[in-house]
């Protein structure tokens, strides 16, 4: 089944029109129509992320169905899903960097400097501390 057909079926099963899905996701009705008709083969990651909650399906499932290649990396305490375009470039990294910048620009700048200026050993130490703090946060939920 092509992605457009899959999207249409999800939408119909939820009982919402193209216009309703467009309004809910913040994209145009024309964009939804292009995808469903096959005129747009690979929708943007931003559109998929915006539609997913309204279709009752995880974003990662839509990314897979749309043809983004998924790499799953198992870490201690969490699993990371990395999506790539057909050429192997990261598909969703720009959005995540923008989110990080909006959430805390100082932290985003520090993270960039750490990746560029510190030794691999120092970076691994910082990752270990951050991973430990994230595990504690997960346990507290």
N, C-alpha and C. Protein backbone atom coordinates (compact mmCIF):
# COMPACT_ATOMS: atom_id res chain seq x y z
N UNK A 1 0.84 -1.17 0.00
CA UNK A 1 0.00 0.00 0.00
C UNK A 1 0.89 1.24 0.00
N UNK A 2 0.58 2.18 -0.88
CA UNK A 2 1.34 3.43 -0.96
C UNK A 2 0.98 4.32 0.24
N UNK A 3 1.91 5.24 0.57
CA UNK A 3 1.71 6.05 1.75
C UNK A 3 0.43 6.87 1.68
N UNK A 4 0.13 7.45 0.53
CA UNK A 4 -1.09 8.25 0.39
C UNK A 4 -2.35 7.45 0.70
N UNK A 5 -2.38 6.22 0.23
CA UNK A 5 -3.53 5.34 0.51
C UNK A 5 -3.60 5.02 2.00
N UNK A 6 -2.44 4.78 2.58
CA UNK A 6 -2.37 4.47 4.01
C UNK A 6 -2.88 5.66 4.83
N UNK A 7 -2.43 6.86 4.48
CA UNK A 7 -2.86 8.06 5.19
C UNK A 7 -4.37 8.26 5.06
N UNK A 8 -4.88 8.08 3.85
CA UNK A 8 -6.31 8.24 3.63
C UNK A 8 -7.10 7.27 4.50
N UNK A 9 -6.65 6.01 4.56
CA UNK A 9 -7.34 5.00 5.35
C UNK A 9 -7.33 5.37 6.84
N UNK A 10 -6.18 5.84 7.34
CA UNK A 10 -6.11 6.28 8.74
C UNK A 10 -7.10 7.41 9.01
N UNK A 11 -7.13 8.37 8.11
CA UNK A 11 -8.00 9.53 8.27
C UNK A 11 -9.47 9.12 8.25
N UNK A 12 -9.84 8.28 7.28
CA UNK A 12 -11.22 7.82 7.16
C UNK A 12 -11.61 7.01 8.40
N UNK A 13 -10.71 6.15 8.86
CA UNK A 13 -10.99 5.35 10.06
C UNK A 13 -11.23 6.23 11.28
N UNK A 14 -10.58 7.39 11.33
CA UNK A 14 -10.77 8.33 12.43
C UNK A 14 -12.02 9.19 12.24
N UNK A 15 -12.60 9.13 11.04
CA UNK A 15 -13.82 9.88 10.76
C UNK A 15 -13.60 11.38 10.60
N UNK A 16 -12.43 11.76 10.08
CA UNK A 16 -12.18 13.18 9.85
C UNK A 16 -11.91 13.44 8.37
N UNK A 17 -12.28 14.62 7.94
CA UNK A 17 -12.10 15.01 6.55
C UNK A 17 -10.67 15.50 6.32
N UNK A 18 -10.29 15.65 5.06
CA UNK A 18 -8.98 16.22 4.74
C UNK A 18 -8.86 17.62 5.34
N UNK A 19 -9.92 18.40 5.22
CA UNK A 19 -9.90 19.77 5.75
C UNK A 19 -9.72 19.76 7.26
N UNK A 20 -10.41 18.87 7.96
CA UNK A 20 -10.27 18.79 9.41
C UNK A 20 -8.84 18.40 9.81
N UNK A 21 -8.28 17.42 9.10
CA UNK A 21 -6.91 17.01 9.39
C UNK A 21 -5.95 18.16 9.12
N UNK A 22 -6.18 18.87 8.04
CA UNK A 22 -5.34 20.02 7.71
C UNK A 22 -5.42 21.08 8.81
N UNK A 23 -6.63 21.39 9.25
CA UNK A 23 -6.81 22.40 10.30
C UNK A 23 -6.16 21.95 11.61
N UNK A 24 -6.35 20.70 11.96
CA UNK A 24 -5.78 20.17 13.21
C UNK A 24 -4.25 20.17 13.19
N UNK A 25 -3.69 19.87 12.02
CA UNK A 25 -2.23 19.74 11.93
C UNK A 25 -1.54 21.04 11.56
N UNK A 26 -2.31 22.06 11.15
CA UNK A 26 -1.71 23.34 10.81
C UNK A 26 -1.11 23.40 9.42
N UNK A 27 -1.52 22.51 8.55
CA UNK A 27 -1.06 22.50 7.16
C UNK A 27 -2.26 22.69 6.25
N UNK A 28 -2.01 22.89 4.97
CA UNK A 28 -3.11 23.16 4.04
C UNK A 28 -3.84 21.89 3.63
N UNK A 29 -5.10 22.06 3.30
CA UNK A 29 -5.91 20.98 2.76
C UNK A 29 -5.29 20.46 1.47
N UNK A 30 -4.76 21.37 0.67
CA UNK A 30 -4.13 20.99 -0.60
C UNK A 30 -2.95 20.04 -0.36
N UNK A 31 -2.19 20.28 0.70
CA UNK A 31 -1.04 19.42 1.02
C UNK A 31 -1.50 18.01 1.37
N UNK A 32 -2.54 17.91 2.19
CA UNK A 32 -3.09 16.60 2.56
C UNK A 32 -3.60 15.89 1.31
N UNK A 33 -4.29 16.62 0.46
CA UNK A 33 -4.83 16.06 -0.78
C UNK A 33 -3.72 15.55 -1.70
N UNK A 34 -2.64 16.32 -1.83
CA UNK A 34 -1.50 15.90 -2.67
C UNK A 34 -0.91 14.59 -2.17
N UNK A 35 -0.78 14.48 -0.86
CA UNK A 35 -0.20 13.26 -0.30
C UNK A 35 -1.12 12.07 -0.58
N UNK A 36 -2.40 12.23 -0.29
CA UNK A 36 -3.34 11.11 -0.46
C UNK A 36 -3.49 10.70 -1.92
N UNK A 37 -3.38 11.65 -2.83
CA UNK A 37 -3.52 11.33 -4.25
C UNK A 37 -2.23 10.80 -4.88
N UNK A 38 -1.14 10.85 -4.12
CA UNK A 38 0.14 10.36 -4.64
C UNK A 38 0.95 11.45 -5.30
N UNK A 39 0.46 12.68 -5.29
CA UNK A 39 1.18 13.80 -5.89
C UNK A 39 2.41 14.19 -5.09
N UNK A 40 2.41 13.93 -3.82
CA UNK A 40 3.57 14.17 -2.96
C UNK A 40 3.97 12.82 -2.39
N UNK A 41 5.10 12.32 -2.84
CA UNK A 41 5.52 10.98 -2.45
C UNK A 41 6.01 10.89 -1.01
N UNK A 42 6.78 11.89 -0.57
CA UNK A 42 7.36 11.82 0.78
C UNK A 42 7.06 13.12 1.52
N UNK A 43 6.07 13.10 2.40
CA UNK A 43 5.72 14.30 3.15
C UNK A 43 6.85 14.72 4.10
N UNK A 44 6.85 15.97 4.47
CA UNK A 44 7.87 16.47 5.38
C UNK A 44 7.71 15.83 6.76
N UNK A 45 8.81 15.77 7.48
CA UNK A 45 8.78 15.23 8.83
C UNK A 45 7.90 16.11 9.73
N UNK A 46 7.90 17.42 9.48
CA UNK A 46 7.07 18.33 10.29
C UNK A 46 5.59 18.01 10.12
N UNK A 47 5.17 17.75 8.89
CA UNK A 47 3.77 17.41 8.63
C UNK A 47 3.41 16.08 9.29
N UNK A 48 4.27 15.10 9.16
CA UNK A 48 4.00 13.80 9.78
C UNK A 48 3.87 13.93 11.29
N UNK A 49 4.74 14.72 11.89
CA UNK A 49 4.69 14.93 13.34
C UNK A 49 3.40 15.63 13.75
N UNK A 50 2.96 16.59 12.94
CA UNK A 50 1.74 17.34 13.25
C UNK A 50 0.48 16.48 13.08
N UNK A 51 0.48 15.56 12.13
CA UNK A 51 -0.70 14.73 11.87
C UNK A 51 -0.84 13.56 12.84
N UNK A 52 0.27 13.00 13.27
CA UNK A 52 0.27 11.75 14.04
C UNK A 52 -0.72 11.73 15.21
N UNK A 53 -0.71 12.73 16.09
CA UNK A 53 -1.64 12.63 17.23
C UNK A 53 -3.11 12.66 16.83
N UNK A 54 -3.42 13.32 15.73
CA UNK A 54 -4.81 13.43 15.28
C UNK A 54 -5.28 12.18 14.56
N UNK A 55 -4.31 11.37 14.12
CA UNK A 55 -4.63 10.11 13.47
C UNK A 55 -4.56 8.94 14.46
N UNK A 56 -4.11 9.24 15.68
CA UNK A 56 -4.02 8.20 16.71
C UNK A 56 -2.94 7.18 16.43
N UNK A 57 -1.83 7.64 15.87
CA UNK A 57 -0.74 6.73 15.51
C UNK A 57 0.59 7.39 15.90
N UNK A 58 1.55 6.61 16.34
CA UNK A 58 2.84 7.19 16.69
C UNK A 58 3.53 7.82 15.47
N UNK A 59 4.20 8.91 15.72
CA UNK A 59 4.98 9.62 14.69
C UNK A 59 5.96 8.67 14.00
N UNK A 60 6.61 7.81 14.79
CA UNK A 60 7.61 6.90 14.22
C UNK A 60 6.99 5.95 13.20
N UNK A 61 5.75 5.54 13.42
CA UNK A 61 5.07 4.65 12.47
C UNK A 61 4.84 5.39 11.15
N UNK A 62 4.39 6.65 11.24
CA UNK A 62 4.19 7.44 10.02
C UNK A 62 5.51 7.64 9.28
N UNK A 63 6.59 7.90 10.02
CA UNK A 63 7.91 8.07 9.39
C UNK A 63 8.29 6.82 8.62
N UNK A 64 8.10 5.66 9.23
CA UNK A 64 8.42 4.39 8.55
C UNK A 64 7.56 4.21 7.31
N UNK A 65 6.25 4.40 7.46
CA UNK A 65 5.33 4.19 6.34
C UNK A 65 5.61 5.16 5.20
N UNK A 66 6.09 6.37 5.53
CA UNK A 66 6.39 7.37 4.49
C UNK A 66 7.71 7.09 3.79
N UNK A 67 8.47 6.12 4.29
CA UNK A 67 9.70 5.74 3.59
C UNK A 67 10.97 6.26 4.21
N UNK A 68 10.86 6.90 5.38
CA UNK A 68 12.08 7.30 6.06
C UNK A 68 12.70 6.06 6.69
N UNK A 69 13.99 5.93 6.56
CA UNK A 69 14.69 4.75 7.05
C UNK A 69 14.96 4.91 8.53
N UNK A 70 14.59 3.91 9.30
CA UNK A 70 14.74 3.99 10.75
C UNK A 70 15.92 3.16 11.21
N UNK A 71 16.71 3.78 12.06
CA UNK A 71 17.78 3.08 12.75
C UNK A 71 17.43 3.13 14.24
N UNK A 72 17.40 1.99 14.87
CA UNK A 72 17.08 1.92 16.29
C UNK A 72 18.37 1.65 17.05
N UNK A 73 18.66 2.52 18.01
CA UNK A 73 19.85 2.38 18.84
C UNK A 73 19.38 2.16 20.28
N UNK A 74 19.74 1.02 20.83
CA UNK A 74 19.35 0.69 22.20
C UNK A 74 20.42 1.22 23.15
N UNK A 75 20.01 2.09 24.06
CA UNK A 75 20.89 2.62 25.10
C UNK A 75 20.41 2.05 26.43
N UNK A 76 21.23 2.15 27.44
CA UNK A 76 20.81 1.76 28.77
C UNK A 76 19.74 2.74 29.23
N UNK A 77 18.55 2.27 29.45
CA UNK A 77 17.48 3.11 29.97
C UNK A 77 16.58 3.75 28.93
N UNK A 78 16.97 3.75 27.66
CA UNK A 78 16.10 4.32 26.64
C UNK A 78 16.49 3.80 25.26
N UNK A 79 15.59 3.97 24.33
CA UNK A 79 15.83 3.57 22.94
C UNK A 79 15.75 4.82 22.07
N UNK A 80 16.70 4.96 21.18
CA UNK A 80 16.75 6.12 20.29
C UNK A 80 16.34 5.68 18.88
N UNK A 81 15.42 6.44 18.27
CA UNK A 81 15.01 6.18 16.90
C UNK A 81 15.56 7.28 16.02
N UNK A 82 16.36 6.90 15.03
CA UNK A 82 16.97 7.86 14.12
C UNK A 82 16.39 7.60 12.75
N UNK A 83 15.83 8.65 12.14
CA UNK A 83 15.23 8.51 10.81
C UNK A 83 16.09 9.21 9.78
N UNK A 84 16.29 8.54 8.65
CA UNK A 84 17.14 9.07 7.60
C UNK A 84 16.38 9.12 6.28
N UNK A 85 16.79 10.07 5.43
CA UNK A 85 16.27 10.14 4.07
C UNK A 85 16.91 9.02 3.25
N UNK A 86 16.46 8.88 2.01
CA UNK A 86 17.00 7.84 1.14
C UNK A 86 18.51 7.98 0.94
N UNK A 87 19.01 9.22 1.00
CA UNK A 87 20.45 9.44 0.80
C UNK A 87 21.27 9.23 2.07
N UNK A 88 20.60 8.87 3.17
CA UNK A 88 21.29 8.59 4.42
C UNK A 88 21.44 9.79 5.35
N UNK A 89 20.97 10.96 4.92
CA UNK A 89 21.07 12.13 5.81
C UNK A 89 19.96 12.09 6.85
N UNK A 90 20.23 12.66 8.00
CA UNK A 90 19.26 12.66 9.09
C UNK A 90 18.03 13.46 8.68
N UNK A 91 16.85 12.89 8.90
CA UNK A 91 15.62 13.51 8.42
C UNK A 91 15.02 14.50 9.40
N UNK A 92 15.26 14.33 10.66
CA UNK A 92 14.52 15.11 11.65
C UNK A 92 15.43 15.95 12.54
N UNK A 93 16.70 16.01 12.23
CA UNK A 93 17.66 16.65 13.12
C UNK A 93 17.46 18.17 13.20
N UNK A 94 17.11 18.81 12.11
CA UNK A 94 16.95 20.27 12.11
C UNK A 94 15.83 20.67 13.07
N UNK A 95 14.72 19.97 13.04
CA UNK A 95 13.61 20.27 13.94
C UNK A 95 14.05 20.13 15.39
N UNK A 96 14.79 19.08 15.69
CA UNK A 96 15.22 18.85 17.07
C UNK A 96 16.18 19.94 17.53
N UNK A 97 17.08 20.36 16.67
CA UNK A 97 18.01 21.42 17.03
C UNK A 97 17.26 22.72 17.29
N UNK A 98 16.27 23.02 16.45
CA UNK A 98 15.47 24.23 16.66
C UNK A 98 14.71 24.16 17.97
N UNK A 99 14.17 23.00 18.32
CA UNK A 99 13.47 22.83 19.58
C UNK A 99 14.43 23.05 20.75
N UNK A 100 15.63 22.50 20.64
CA UNK A 100 16.62 22.65 21.70
C UNK A 100 17.01 24.13 21.84
N UNK A 101 17.18 24.81 20.74
CA UNK A 101 17.54 26.23 20.76
C UNK A 101 16.44 27.07 21.41
N UNK A 102 15.17 26.78 21.06
CA UNK A 102 14.05 27.52 21.65
C UNK A 102 13.91 27.23 23.15
N UNK A 103 14.13 25.98 23.54
CA UNK A 103 13.96 25.59 24.94
C UNK A 103 15.03 26.24 25.82
N UNK A 104 16.27 26.27 25.34
CA UNK A 104 17.35 26.83 26.14
C UNK A 104 18.54 27.10 25.22
N UNK A 105 18.65 28.32 24.76
CA UNK A 105 19.70 28.66 23.79
C UNK A 105 21.09 28.51 24.40
N UNK A 106 21.23 28.78 25.70
CA UNK A 106 22.55 28.59 26.33
C UNK A 106 22.96 27.13 26.28
N UNK A 107 22.03 26.23 26.60
CA UNK A 107 22.34 24.80 26.56
C UNK A 107 22.67 24.36 25.14
N UNK A 108 21.93 24.84 24.17
CA UNK A 108 22.19 24.47 22.77
C UNK A 108 23.60 24.91 22.36
N UNK A 109 24.00 26.10 22.77
CA UNK A 109 25.34 26.58 22.42
C UNK A 109 26.42 25.79 23.15
N UNK A 110 26.15 25.44 24.40
CA UNK A 110 27.11 24.62 25.16
C UNK A 110 27.26 23.25 24.49
N UNK A 111 26.13 22.63 24.12
CA UNK A 111 26.17 21.31 23.48
C UNK A 111 26.99 21.38 22.18
N UNK A 112 26.81 22.43 21.42
CA UNK A 112 27.57 22.58 20.18
C UNK A 112 29.07 22.70 20.49
N UNK A 113 29.40 23.54 21.46
CA UNK A 113 30.81 23.73 21.80
C UNK A 113 31.42 22.43 22.33
N UNK A 114 30.67 21.69 23.15
CA UNK A 114 31.17 20.42 23.68
C UNK A 114 31.53 19.49 22.52
N UNK A 115 30.65 19.42 21.52
CA UNK A 115 30.89 18.50 20.40
C UNK A 115 32.07 18.94 19.53
N UNK A 116 32.43 20.19 19.58
CA UNK A 116 33.50 20.71 18.73
C UNK A 116 34.84 20.88 19.45
N UNK A 117 34.78 21.15 20.76
CA UNK A 117 35.99 21.60 21.44
C UNK A 117 36.56 20.63 22.47
N UNK A 118 35.75 19.71 22.97
CA UNK A 118 36.24 18.82 24.01
C UNK A 118 36.74 17.50 23.43
N UNK A 119 37.58 16.84 24.18
CA UNK A 119 38.10 15.54 23.76
C UNK A 119 36.99 14.50 23.81
N UNK A 120 37.19 13.41 23.14
CA UNK A 120 36.24 12.30 23.15
C UNK A 120 36.03 11.81 24.59
N UNK A 121 37.11 11.74 25.35
CA UNK A 121 37.02 11.29 26.74
C UNK A 121 36.14 12.23 27.58
N UNK A 122 36.33 13.54 27.42
CA UNK A 122 35.50 14.50 28.16
C UNK A 122 34.03 14.41 27.72
N UNK A 123 33.81 14.22 26.43
CA UNK A 123 32.43 14.09 25.92
C UNK A 123 31.76 12.85 26.51
N UNK A 124 32.48 11.75 26.59
CA UNK A 124 31.93 10.52 27.16
C UNK A 124 31.58 10.72 28.64
N UNK A 125 32.39 11.47 29.36
CA UNK A 125 32.10 11.73 30.77
C UNK A 125 30.83 12.56 30.91
N UNK A 126 30.67 13.56 30.06
CA UNK A 126 29.46 14.39 30.09
C UNK A 126 28.23 13.55 29.73
N UNK A 127 28.36 12.68 28.72
CA UNK A 127 27.25 11.81 28.34
C UNK A 127 26.85 10.89 29.48
N UNK A 128 27.83 10.36 30.20
CA UNK A 128 27.55 9.45 31.31
C UNK A 128 26.77 10.19 32.41
N UNK A 129 27.17 11.40 32.72
CA UNK A 129 26.47 12.19 33.74
C UNK A 129 25.05 12.50 33.27
N UNK A 130 24.91 12.95 32.03
CA UNK A 130 23.59 13.29 31.50
C UNK A 130 22.70 12.05 31.46
N UNK A 131 23.23 10.92 31.06
CA UNK A 131 22.44 9.67 31.01
C UNK A 131 21.97 9.28 32.40
N UNK A 132 22.84 9.45 33.39
CA UNK A 132 22.46 9.13 34.76
C UNK A 132 21.32 10.04 35.23
N UNK A 133 21.41 11.32 34.95
CA UNK A 133 20.35 12.26 35.33
C UNK A 133 19.04 11.94 34.61
N UNK A 134 19.12 11.55 33.35
CA UNK A 134 17.91 11.20 32.60
C UNK A 134 17.26 9.94 33.16
N UNK A 135 18.07 8.96 33.54
CA UNK A 135 17.52 7.74 34.15
C UNK A 135 16.79 8.09 35.44
N UNK A 136 17.38 8.95 36.26
CA UNK A 136 16.73 9.36 37.52
C UNK A 136 15.40 10.08 37.21
N UNK A 137 15.41 10.92 36.20
CA UNK A 137 14.18 11.63 35.82
C UNK A 137 13.11 10.65 35.36
N UNK A 138 13.51 9.64 34.58
CA UNK A 138 12.57 8.62 34.10
C UNK A 138 11.99 7.82 35.26
N UNK A 139 12.82 7.51 36.25
CA UNK A 139 12.37 6.75 37.41
C UNK A 139 11.38 7.56 38.24
N UNK A 140 11.52 8.87 38.23
CA UNK A 140 10.65 9.73 39.01
C UNK A 140 9.29 9.95 38.40
N UNK A 141 9.07 9.51 37.18
CA UNK A 141 7.79 9.71 36.48
C UNK A 141 6.78 8.69 36.87
